Amino acid sequence: MDLAVPFVTMFYATQFAQTIAVEDKYLSMEFSMDHLGLLKKKQARLLKPIKGDFYKETNERDEELLFQFNIDDNLFNGISSVATTIDKMFSVRELMSFYPNAKPFIQMLTTSTLGKVMPQFTEEYGEDKKIDLVLSPSHDLFTDGFPESKMTGVYMDKNGNWKVQLNLPM
């Protein structure tokens, strides 16, 4: 039974692989969210092709490795492209209305409350008008205000450092 587990695993893994390559000593399989049909065309266009290689093929005792995983930043960018194509806005007033303890805070979301800190705000917009904070993961809404911005995601610089970019239009 123990000998069958690797073969069964390889059989099922090949069903989902985008490419399969039989090399001298290794079986190489490539997976992507786009190949699995998890991305729409608009989401797939937000990703860039990345060429990656395995780090090393042996461990510190010079024994060949059984498994190696190469995860590039397109896994994270694929997930964020799904999130950033949600063209929906979330209202803080609406979300907080589900919590009875937040009612006093919702009542304080007015121009008069903000005017105590910024008097010019009350002069410009008037007294006791409701204020709402609206958040959205949409990249299109964000680029309306910041046209040259990078998309929300995880990026790797030339030194191999991972950087996270989070854009929330308000």
N, C-alpha and C. Protein backbone atom coordinates (compact mmCIF):
# COMPACT_ATOMS: atom_id res chain seq x y z
N MET A 1 0.82 -1.21 0.00
CA MET A 1 0.00 0.00 0.00
C MET A 1 0.86 1.26 0.00
N ASP A 2 1.95 1.24 0.80
CA ASP A 2 2.81 2.43 0.88
C ASP A 2 3.42 2.77 -0.47
N LEU A 3 3.68 1.79 -1.29
CA LEU A 3 4.28 2.05 -2.59
C LEU A 3 3.28 2.66 -3.57
N ALA A 4 2.01 2.43 -3.35
CA ALA A 4 0.99 2.94 -4.27
C ALA A 4 0.67 4.41 -4.05
N VAL A 5 0.90 4.92 -2.84
CA VAL A 5 0.52 6.31 -2.52
C VAL A 5 1.18 7.34 -3.45
N PRO A 6 2.50 7.27 -3.71
CA PRO A 6 3.08 8.27 -4.63
C PRO A 6 2.49 8.19 -6.04
N PHE A 7 2.21 6.99 -6.51
CA PHE A 7 1.66 6.83 -7.85
C PHE A 7 0.23 7.35 -7.95
N VAL A 8 -0.55 7.09 -6.92
CA VAL A 8 -1.92 7.59 -6.89
C VAL A 8 -1.91 9.12 -6.82
N THR A 9 -1.01 9.66 -6.00
CA THR A 9 -0.89 11.12 -5.89
C THR A 9 -0.50 11.73 -7.23
N MET A 10 0.48 11.14 -7.91
CA MET A 10 0.89 11.65 -9.23
C MET A 10 -0.25 11.53 -10.24
N PHE A 11 -1.01 10.46 -10.19
CA PHE A 11 -2.12 10.28 -11.12
C PHE A 11 -3.12 11.43 -10.97
N TYR A 12 -3.52 11.71 -9.72
CA TYR A 12 -4.52 12.77 -9.51
C TYR A 12 -3.94 14.16 -9.74
N ALA A 13 -2.68 14.36 -9.40
CA ALA A 13 -2.05 15.67 -9.62
C ALA A 13 -1.96 15.99 -11.11
N THR A 14 -1.70 14.98 -11.93
CA THR A 14 -1.61 15.22 -13.38
C THR A 14 -2.95 15.61 -13.99
N GLN A 15 -4.04 15.26 -13.33
CA GLN A 15 -5.36 15.62 -13.84
C GLN A 15 -5.59 17.13 -13.77
N PHE A 16 -4.90 17.81 -12.84
CA PHE A 16 -5.09 19.24 -12.64
C PHE A 16 -3.92 20.07 -13.16
N ALA A 17 -2.85 19.44 -13.60
CA ALA A 17 -1.64 20.16 -14.01
C ALA A 17 -1.85 20.84 -15.37
N GLN A 18 -1.25 22.01 -15.49
CA GLN A 18 -1.29 22.75 -16.76
C GLN A 18 -0.27 22.15 -17.72
N THR A 19 0.93 21.89 -17.24
CA THR A 19 1.95 21.22 -18.05
C THR A 19 2.59 20.12 -17.22
N ILE A 20 3.03 19.08 -17.92
CA ILE A 20 3.72 17.97 -17.29
C ILE A 20 4.96 17.70 -18.12
N ALA A 21 6.11 17.66 -17.46
CA ALA A 21 7.37 17.40 -18.16
C ALA A 21 8.11 16.29 -17.44
N VAL A 22 8.50 15.29 -18.20
CA VAL A 22 9.30 14.21 -17.65
C VAL A 22 10.75 14.54 -17.96
N GLU A 23 11.52 14.83 -16.91
CA GLU A 23 12.92 15.19 -17.08
C GLU A 23 13.79 14.00 -16.72
N ASP A 24 15.11 14.18 -16.71
CA ASP A 24 16.02 13.05 -16.44
C ASP A 24 15.66 12.32 -15.15
N LYS A 25 15.54 13.05 -14.06
CA LYS A 25 15.29 12.41 -12.77
C LYS A 25 13.96 12.83 -12.15
N TYR A 26 13.27 13.77 -12.75
CA TYR A 26 12.11 14.35 -12.08
C TYR A 26 10.89 14.40 -12.98
N LEU A 27 9.75 14.45 -12.33
CA LEU A 27 8.49 14.72 -13.00
C LEU A 27 8.09 16.12 -12.58
N SER A 28 7.98 17.02 -13.54
CA SER A 28 7.69 18.42 -13.25
C SER A 28 6.27 18.74 -13.68
N MET A 29 5.48 19.33 -12.78
CA MET A 29 4.10 19.70 -13.08
C MET A 29 3.89 21.17 -12.75
N GLU A 30 3.15 21.84 -13.59
CA GLU A 30 2.88 23.26 -13.39
C GLU A 30 1.37 23.45 -13.24
N PHE A 31 0.99 24.24 -12.23
CA PHE A 31 -0.42 24.50 -11.95
C PHE A 31 -0.65 26.01 -12.00
N SER A 32 -1.83 26.41 -12.39
CA SER A 32 -2.18 27.83 -12.34
C SER A 32 -3.69 27.96 -12.12
N MET A 33 -4.06 29.10 -11.52
CA MET A 33 -5.48 29.35 -11.28
C MET A 33 -6.22 29.52 -12.60
N ASP A 34 -5.55 30.09 -13.59
CA ASP A 34 -6.17 30.30 -14.89
C ASP A 34 -6.47 28.96 -15.56
N HIS A 35 -5.54 28.03 -15.51
CA HIS A 35 -5.73 26.71 -16.11
C HIS A 35 -6.87 25.95 -15.44
N LEU A 36 -7.01 26.14 -14.15
CA LEU A 36 -8.08 25.45 -13.42
C LEU A 36 -9.43 26.12 -13.61
N GLY A 37 -9.47 27.20 -14.39
CA GLY A 37 -10.72 27.89 -14.68
C GLY A 37 -11.22 28.74 -13.53
N LEU A 38 -10.31 29.16 -12.65
CA LEU A 38 -10.71 29.95 -11.50
C LEU A 38 -10.66 31.46 -11.76
N LEU A 39 -10.13 31.85 -12.94
CA LEU A 39 -10.03 33.27 -13.27
C LEU A 39 -10.85 33.60 -14.50
N LYS A 40 -11.48 34.75 -14.48
CA LYS A 40 -12.17 35.25 -15.66
C LYS A 40 -11.13 35.94 -16.55
N LYS A 41 -11.49 36.25 -17.79
CA LYS A 41 -10.53 36.87 -18.72
C LYS A 41 -9.97 38.17 -18.17
N LYS A 42 -10.84 38.97 -17.57
CA LYS A 42 -10.41 40.26 -17.01
C LYS A 42 -9.39 40.04 -15.89
N GLN A 43 -9.60 39.02 -15.08
CA GLN A 43 -8.70 38.73 -13.97
C GLN A 43 -7.37 38.17 -14.48
N ALA A 44 -7.41 37.32 -15.48
CA ALA A 44 -6.18 36.72 -16.03
C ALA A 44 -5.31 37.77 -16.70
N ARG A 45 -5.91 38.82 -17.28
CA ARG A 45 -5.13 39.89 -17.92
C ARG A 45 -4.32 40.68 -16.91
N LEU A 46 -4.70 40.66 -15.64
CA LEU A 46 -3.99 41.41 -14.61
C LEU A 46 -2.69 40.72 -14.18
N LEU A 47 -2.49 39.48 -14.59
CA LEU A 47 -1.30 38.73 -14.19
C LEU A 47 -0.22 38.83 -15.25
N LYS A 48 1.03 38.73 -14.82
CA LYS A 48 2.15 38.75 -15.75
C LYS A 48 2.82 37.38 -15.73
N PRO A 49 3.38 36.94 -16.85
CA PRO A 49 4.05 35.64 -16.84
C PRO A 49 5.34 35.70 -16.02
N ILE A 50 5.59 34.67 -15.25
CA ILE A 50 6.78 34.63 -14.40
C ILE A 50 7.50 33.32 -14.68
N LYS A 51 8.79 33.40 -14.93
CA LYS A 51 9.61 32.21 -15.15
C LYS A 51 10.35 31.93 -13.86
N GLY A 52 10.17 30.74 -13.31
CA GLY A 52 10.84 30.39 -12.07
C GLY A 52 11.53 29.05 -12.19
N ASP A 53 12.60 28.90 -11.45
CA ASP A 53 13.34 27.64 -11.42
C ASP A 53 13.41 27.15 -9.98
N PHE A 54 13.68 25.86 -9.83
CA PHE A 54 13.85 25.32 -8.49
C PHE A 54 15.19 25.77 -7.93
N TYR A 55 15.24 25.87 -6.62
CA TYR A 55 16.43 26.39 -5.94
C TYR A 55 17.59 25.41 -6.03
N LYS A 56 17.41 24.23 -5.52
CA LYS A 56 18.43 23.19 -5.61
C LYS A 56 17.75 21.83 -5.58
N GLU A 57 18.41 20.84 -6.10
CA GLU A 57 17.79 19.53 -6.26
C GLU A 57 18.25 18.52 -5.22
N THR A 58 19.14 18.92 -4.33
CA THR A 58 19.59 18.01 -3.26
C THR A 58 19.55 18.75 -1.93
N ASN A 59 19.49 17.99 -0.85
CA ASN A 59 19.53 18.60 0.47
C ASN A 59 20.97 18.76 0.94
N GLU A 60 21.16 19.17 2.20
CA GLU A 60 22.53 19.42 2.71
C GLU A 60 23.38 18.17 2.80
N ARG A 61 22.78 16.98 2.82
CA ARG A 61 23.54 15.71 2.83
C ARG A 61 23.72 15.16 1.41
N ASP A 62 23.41 15.98 0.42
CA ASP A 62 23.54 15.63 -1.00
C ASP A 62 22.61 14.49 -1.41
N GLU A 63 21.48 14.38 -0.72
CA GLU A 63 20.45 13.41 -1.08
C GLU A 63 19.44 14.09 -1.98
N GLU A 64 18.98 13.38 -2.99
CA GLU A 64 18.00 13.97 -3.91
C GLU A 64 16.67 14.20 -3.19
N LEU A 65 16.02 15.29 -3.53
CA LEU A 65 14.77 15.66 -2.89
C LEU A 65 13.61 14.89 -3.51
N LEU A 66 12.66 14.52 -2.69
CA LEU A 66 11.49 13.81 -3.18
C LEU A 66 10.48 14.78 -3.79
N PHE A 67 10.22 15.90 -3.09
CA PHE A 67 9.26 16.90 -3.58
C PHE A 67 9.90 18.27 -3.53
N GLN A 68 9.52 19.11 -4.48
CA GLN A 68 9.86 20.53 -4.45
C GLN A 68 8.66 21.31 -4.92
N PHE A 69 8.38 22.42 -4.24
CA PHE A 69 7.30 23.31 -4.64
C PHE A 69 7.89 24.66 -4.97
N ASN A 70 7.50 25.19 -6.10
CA ASN A 70 7.94 26.52 -6.50
C ASN A 70 6.68 27.38 -6.57
N ILE A 71 6.48 28.23 -5.57
CA ILE A 71 5.30 29.09 -5.52
C ILE A 71 5.75 30.51 -5.85
N ASP A 72 5.27 31.05 -6.96
CA ASP A 72 5.65 32.41 -7.31
C ASP A 72 4.56 33.39 -6.89
N ASP A 73 4.83 34.67 -7.11
CA ASP A 73 3.87 35.68 -6.64
C ASP A 73 2.58 35.71 -7.45
N ASN A 74 2.49 34.98 -8.56
CA ASN A 74 1.23 34.95 -9.30
C ASN A 74 0.14 34.16 -8.56
N LEU A 75 0.52 33.27 -7.64
CA LEU A 75 -0.50 32.61 -6.82
C LEU A 75 -1.23 33.67 -6.00
N PHE A 76 -0.46 34.52 -5.33
CA PHE A 76 -1.05 35.57 -4.51
C PHE A 76 -1.72 36.64 -5.37
N ASN A 77 -1.10 36.96 -6.51
CA ASN A 77 -1.69 37.96 -7.40
C ASN A 77 -2.95 37.43 -8.06
N GLY A 78 -3.03 36.13 -8.30
CA GLY A 78 -4.26 35.54 -8.84
C GLY A 78 -5.40 35.67 -7.84
N ILE A 79 -5.10 35.39 -6.58
CA ILE A 79 -6.11 35.54 -5.53
C ILE A 79 -6.52 37.00 -5.41
N SER A 80 -5.52 37.92 -5.43
CA SER A 80 -5.88 39.34 -5.31
C SER A 80 -6.58 39.86 -6.56
N SER A 81 -6.29 39.29 -7.74
CA SER A 81 -7.00 39.76 -8.93
C SER A 81 -8.49 39.40 -8.86
N VAL A 82 -8.78 38.27 -8.22
CA VAL A 82 -10.19 37.91 -8.01
C VAL A 82 -10.84 38.96 -7.09
N ALA A 83 -10.14 39.32 -6.02
CA ALA A 83 -10.69 40.29 -5.07
C ALA A 83 -10.79 41.69 -5.68
N THR A 84 -9.79 42.10 -6.46
CA THR A 84 -9.78 43.48 -6.98
C THR A 84 -10.71 43.68 -8.17
N THR A 85 -11.30 42.62 -8.67
CA THR A 85 -12.28 42.79 -9.75
C THR A 85 -13.71 42.77 -9.22
N ILE A 86 -13.85 42.77 -7.90
CA ILE A 86 -15.18 42.89 -7.29
C ILE A 86 -15.55 44.37 -7.33
N ASP A 87 -16.46 44.73 -8.19
CA ASP A 87 -16.85 46.13 -8.34
C ASP A 87 -18.03 46.45 -7.42
N LYS A 88 -17.82 46.26 -6.15
CA LYS A 88 -18.85 46.51 -5.16
C LYS A 88 -18.26 47.41 -4.09
N MET A 89 -19.10 48.30 -3.57
CA MET A 89 -18.68 49.16 -2.48
C MET A 89 -19.36 48.70 -1.20
N PHE A 90 -18.64 48.77 -0.11
CA PHE A 90 -19.16 48.37 1.19
C PHE A 90 -19.27 49.59 2.08
N SER A 91 -20.47 49.90 2.52
CA SER A 91 -20.75 51.05 3.35
C SER A 91 -20.51 50.71 4.82
N VAL A 92 -19.74 51.57 5.51
CA VAL A 92 -19.49 51.35 6.93
C VAL A 92 -20.79 51.49 7.71
N ARG A 93 -21.63 52.45 7.35
CA ARG A 93 -22.93 52.61 8.03
C ARG A 93 -23.77 51.34 7.89
N GLU A 94 -23.79 50.79 6.70
CA GLU A 94 -24.58 49.58 6.44
C GLU A 94 -24.02 48.38 7.21
N LEU A 95 -22.71 48.21 7.18
CA LEU A 95 -22.09 47.08 7.86
C LEU A 95 -22.27 47.17 9.38
N MET A 96 -22.15 48.37 9.93
CA MET A 96 -22.26 48.55 11.38
C MET A 96 -23.71 48.49 11.86
N SER A 97 -24.66 48.65 10.95
CA SER A 97 -26.06 48.60 11.36
C SER A 97 -26.46 47.21 11.86
N PHE A 98 -25.66 46.19 11.54
CA PHE A 98 -25.94 44.83 12.00
C PHE A 98 -25.58 44.64 13.47
N TYR A 99 -24.82 45.57 14.04
CA TYR A 99 -24.36 45.45 15.43
C TYR A 99 -25.03 46.52 16.30
N PRO A 100 -25.90 46.12 17.21
CA PRO A 100 -26.61 47.08 18.05
C PRO A 100 -25.68 47.98 18.87
N ASN A 101 -24.54 47.47 19.29
CA ASN A 101 -23.60 48.26 20.08
C ASN A 101 -22.95 49.38 19.27
N ALA A 102 -23.02 49.32 17.95
CA ALA A 102 -22.41 50.35 17.10
C ALA A 102 -23.35 51.51 16.82
N LYS A 103 -24.58 51.45 17.29
CA LYS A 103 -25.56 52.51 17.00
C LYS A 103 -25.07 53.89 17.42
N PRO A 104 -24.47 54.07 18.62
CA PRO A 104 -23.97 55.41 18.98
C PRO A 104 -22.89 55.91 18.02
N PHE A 105 -22.05 55.00 17.55
CA PHE A 105 -21.00 55.40 16.61
C PHE A 105 -21.61 55.84 15.28
N ILE A 106 -22.62 55.13 14.82
CA ILE A 106 -23.28 55.49 13.56
C ILE A 106 -23.92 56.87 13.67
N GLN A 107 -24.53 57.15 14.82
CA GLN A 107 -25.15 58.47 15.03
C GLN A 107 -24.11 59.58 15.04
N MET A 108 -22.89 59.26 15.38
CA MET A 108 -21.82 60.27 15.42
C MET A 108 -21.20 60.51 14.05
N LEU A 109 -21.51 59.69 13.05
CA LEU A 109 -20.95 59.88 11.71
C LEU A 109 -21.69 61.01 11.00
N THR A 110 -21.40 62.25 11.43
CA THR A 110 -22.04 63.43 10.84
C THR A 110 -21.00 64.50 10.58
N THR A 111 -21.39 65.47 9.79
CA THR A 111 -20.50 66.60 9.51
C THR A 111 -20.23 67.42 10.76
N SER A 112 -21.17 67.48 11.68
CA SER A 112 -20.97 68.24 12.92
C SER A 112 -19.89 67.62 13.78
N THR A 113 -19.86 66.29 13.88
CA THR A 113 -18.82 65.61 14.66
C THR A 113 -17.44 65.85 14.05
N LEU A 114 -17.35 65.72 12.75
CA LEU A 114 -16.08 65.97 12.06
C LEU A 114 -15.72 67.45 12.10
N GLY A 115 -16.74 68.30 12.13
CA GLY A 115 -16.52 69.74 12.18
C GLY A 115 -15.87 70.21 13.47
N LYS A 116 -15.95 69.44 14.54
CA LYS A 116 -15.29 69.80 15.79
C LYS A 116 -13.78 69.73 15.65
N VAL A 117 -13.31 68.87 14.79
CA VAL A 117 -11.87 68.75 14.53
C VAL A 117 -11.47 69.60 13.33
N MET A 118 -12.32 69.64 12.32
CA MET A 118 -12.05 70.40 11.09
C MET A 118 -13.22 71.34 10.82
N PRO A 119 -13.22 72.54 11.39
CA PRO A 119 -14.35 73.46 11.24
C PRO A 119 -14.69 73.80 9.78
N GLN A 120 -13.69 73.85 8.92
CA GLN A 120 -13.94 74.17 7.51
C GLN A 120 -14.81 73.11 6.83
N PHE A 121 -14.79 71.87 7.33
CA PHE A 121 -15.62 70.80 6.78
C PHE A 121 -17.10 71.12 6.99
N THR A 122 -17.46 71.60 8.18
CA THR A 122 -18.85 71.96 8.48
C THR A 122 -19.27 73.18 7.66
N GLU A 123 -18.36 74.14 7.50
CA GLU A 123 -18.67 75.33 6.71
C GLU A 123 -18.95 74.97 5.27
N GLU A 124 -18.21 74.01 4.74
CA GLU A 124 -18.36 73.65 3.33
C GLU A 124 -19.58 72.76 3.08
N TYR A 125 -19.86 71.81 3.99
CA TYR A 125 -20.91 70.82 3.75
C TYR A 125 -22.16 70.99 4.61
N GLY A 126 -22.12 71.85 5.61
CA GLY A 126 -23.30 72.09 6.43
C GLY A 126 -23.30 71.27 7.71
N GLU A 127 -24.26 71.60 8.61
CA GLU A 127 -24.37 70.97 9.94
C GLU A 127 -25.22 69.69 9.87
N ASP A 128 -24.89 68.73 10.70
CA ASP A 128 -25.66 67.50 10.94
C ASP A 128 -26.02 66.69 9.70
N LYS A 129 -25.16 66.69 8.71
CA LYS A 129 -25.39 65.83 7.54
C LYS A 129 -24.65 64.51 7.76
N LYS A 130 -25.26 63.43 7.33
CA LYS A 130 -24.68 62.11 7.54
C LYS A 130 -23.44 61.92 6.68
N ILE A 131 -22.45 61.26 7.27
CA ILE A 131 -21.21 60.90 6.57
C ILE A 131 -21.15 59.39 6.54
N ASP A 132 -20.70 58.85 5.43
CA ASP A 132 -20.52 57.41 5.33
C ASP A 132 -19.15 57.15 4.73
N LEU A 133 -18.48 56.17 5.26
CA LEU A 133 -17.20 55.73 4.74
C LEU A 133 -17.48 54.49 3.90
N VAL A 134 -17.04 54.53 2.66
CA VAL A 134 -17.32 53.43 1.74
C VAL A 134 -15.98 52.83 1.29
N LEU A 135 -15.85 51.53 1.41
CA LEU A 135 -14.64 50.81 1.02
C LEU A 135 -14.95 49.88 -0.14
N SER A 136 -13.94 49.66 -0.97
CA SER A 136 -14.12 48.74 -2.09
C SER A 136 -12.77 48.12 -2.46
N PRO A 137 -12.75 46.83 -2.78
CA PRO A 137 -11.50 46.22 -3.24
C PRO A 137 -11.24 46.46 -4.73
N SER A 138 -12.14 47.13 -5.43
CA SER A 138 -12.06 47.29 -6.88
C SER A 138 -10.83 48.10 -7.32
N HIS A 139 -10.04 47.51 -8.20
CA HIS A 139 -8.87 48.21 -8.74
C HIS A 139 -9.30 49.32 -9.70
N ASP A 140 -10.39 49.11 -10.44
CA ASP A 140 -10.88 50.14 -11.36
C ASP A 140 -11.28 51.40 -10.62
N LEU A 141 -11.95 51.26 -9.49
CA LEU A 141 -12.33 52.42 -8.71
C LEU A 141 -11.11 53.13 -8.14
N PHE A 142 -10.09 52.37 -7.78
CA PHE A 142 -8.88 52.97 -7.22
C PHE A 142 -8.10 53.73 -8.29
N THR A 143 -8.01 53.17 -9.50
CA THR A 143 -7.24 53.83 -10.56
C THR A 143 -7.93 55.08 -11.09
N ASP A 144 -9.22 55.26 -10.79
CA ASP A 144 -9.86 56.52 -11.15
C ASP A 144 -9.17 57.68 -10.44
N GLY A 145 -8.77 57.49 -9.19
CA GLY A 145 -8.09 58.53 -8.43
C GLY A 145 -6.58 58.49 -8.55
N PHE A 146 -6.02 57.30 -8.75
CA PHE A 146 -4.57 57.12 -8.84
C PHE A 146 -4.24 56.29 -10.08
N PRO A 147 -4.21 56.92 -11.26
CA PRO A 147 -4.08 56.17 -12.51
C PRO A 147 -2.79 55.35 -12.67
N GLU A 148 -1.70 55.75 -12.04
CA GLU A 148 -0.42 55.06 -12.22
C GLU A 148 -0.14 54.02 -11.14
N SER A 149 -1.13 53.67 -10.31
CA SER A 149 -0.89 52.78 -9.18
C SER A 149 -0.79 51.33 -9.61
N LYS A 150 -0.02 50.57 -8.82
CA LYS A 150 0.06 49.11 -9.02
C LYS A 150 -1.20 48.49 -8.46
N MET A 151 -1.53 47.32 -8.96
CA MET A 151 -2.69 46.60 -8.46
C MET A 151 -2.39 46.01 -7.09
N THR A 152 -3.41 45.86 -6.27
CA THR A 152 -3.26 45.18 -4.99
C THR A 152 -2.68 43.80 -5.24
N GLY A 153 -1.68 43.42 -4.47
CA GLY A 153 -1.09 42.11 -4.65
C GLY A 153 0.21 41.96 -3.91
N VAL A 154 0.91 40.90 -4.21
CA VAL A 154 2.20 40.61 -3.60
C VAL A 154 3.23 40.67 -4.72
N TYR A 155 4.29 41.43 -4.49
CA TYR A 155 5.33 41.60 -5.49
C TYR A 155 6.67 41.18 -4.92
N MET A 156 7.54 40.71 -5.79
CA MET A 156 8.87 40.33 -5.37
C MET A 156 9.85 41.25 -6.09
N ASP A 157 10.73 41.92 -5.32
CA ASP A 157 11.70 42.82 -5.95
C ASP A 157 12.90 42.02 -6.44
N LYS A 158 13.87 42.72 -7.05
CA LYS A 158 15.01 42.03 -7.66
C LYS A 158 15.89 41.31 -6.64
N ASN A 159 15.79 41.69 -5.36
CA ASN A 159 16.56 41.03 -4.30
C ASN A 159 15.84 39.85 -3.68
N GLY A 160 14.63 39.55 -4.14
CA GLY A 160 13.87 38.44 -3.61
C GLY A 160 13.00 38.79 -2.42
N ASN A 161 12.88 40.08 -2.10
CA ASN A 161 12.04 40.51 -0.98
C ASN A 161 10.60 40.59 -1.44
N TRP A 162 9.69 40.10 -0.60
CA TRP A 162 8.26 40.14 -0.93
C TRP A 162 7.68 41.44 -0.41
N LYS A 163 6.89 42.10 -1.24
CA LYS A 163 6.25 43.35 -0.86
C LYS A 163 4.74 43.21 -1.09
N VAL A 164 3.98 43.72 -0.15
CA VAL A 164 2.52 43.64 -0.25
C VAL A 164 1.99 45.03 -0.55
N GLN A 165 1.14 45.15 -1.56
CA GLN A 165 0.50 46.41 -1.92
C GLN A 165 -1.00 46.24 -1.68
N LEU A 166 -1.58 47.12 -0.87
CA LEU A 166 -3.01 47.05 -0.57
C LEU A 166 -3.63 48.41 -0.90
N ASN A 167 -4.55 48.41 -1.84
CA ASN A 167 -5.26 49.64 -2.23
C ASN A 167 -6.72 49.51 -1.83
N LEU A 168 -7.21 50.49 -1.09
CA LEU A 168 -8.62 50.53 -0.73
C LEU A 168 -9.18 51.91 -1.07
N PRO A 169 -9.96 52.02 -2.14
CA PRO A 169 -10.56 53.33 -2.42
C PRO A 169 -11.63 53.66 -1.39
N MET A 170 -11.62 54.89 -0.92
CA MET A 170 -12.62 55.35 0.05
C MET A 170 -13.36 56.54 -0.52
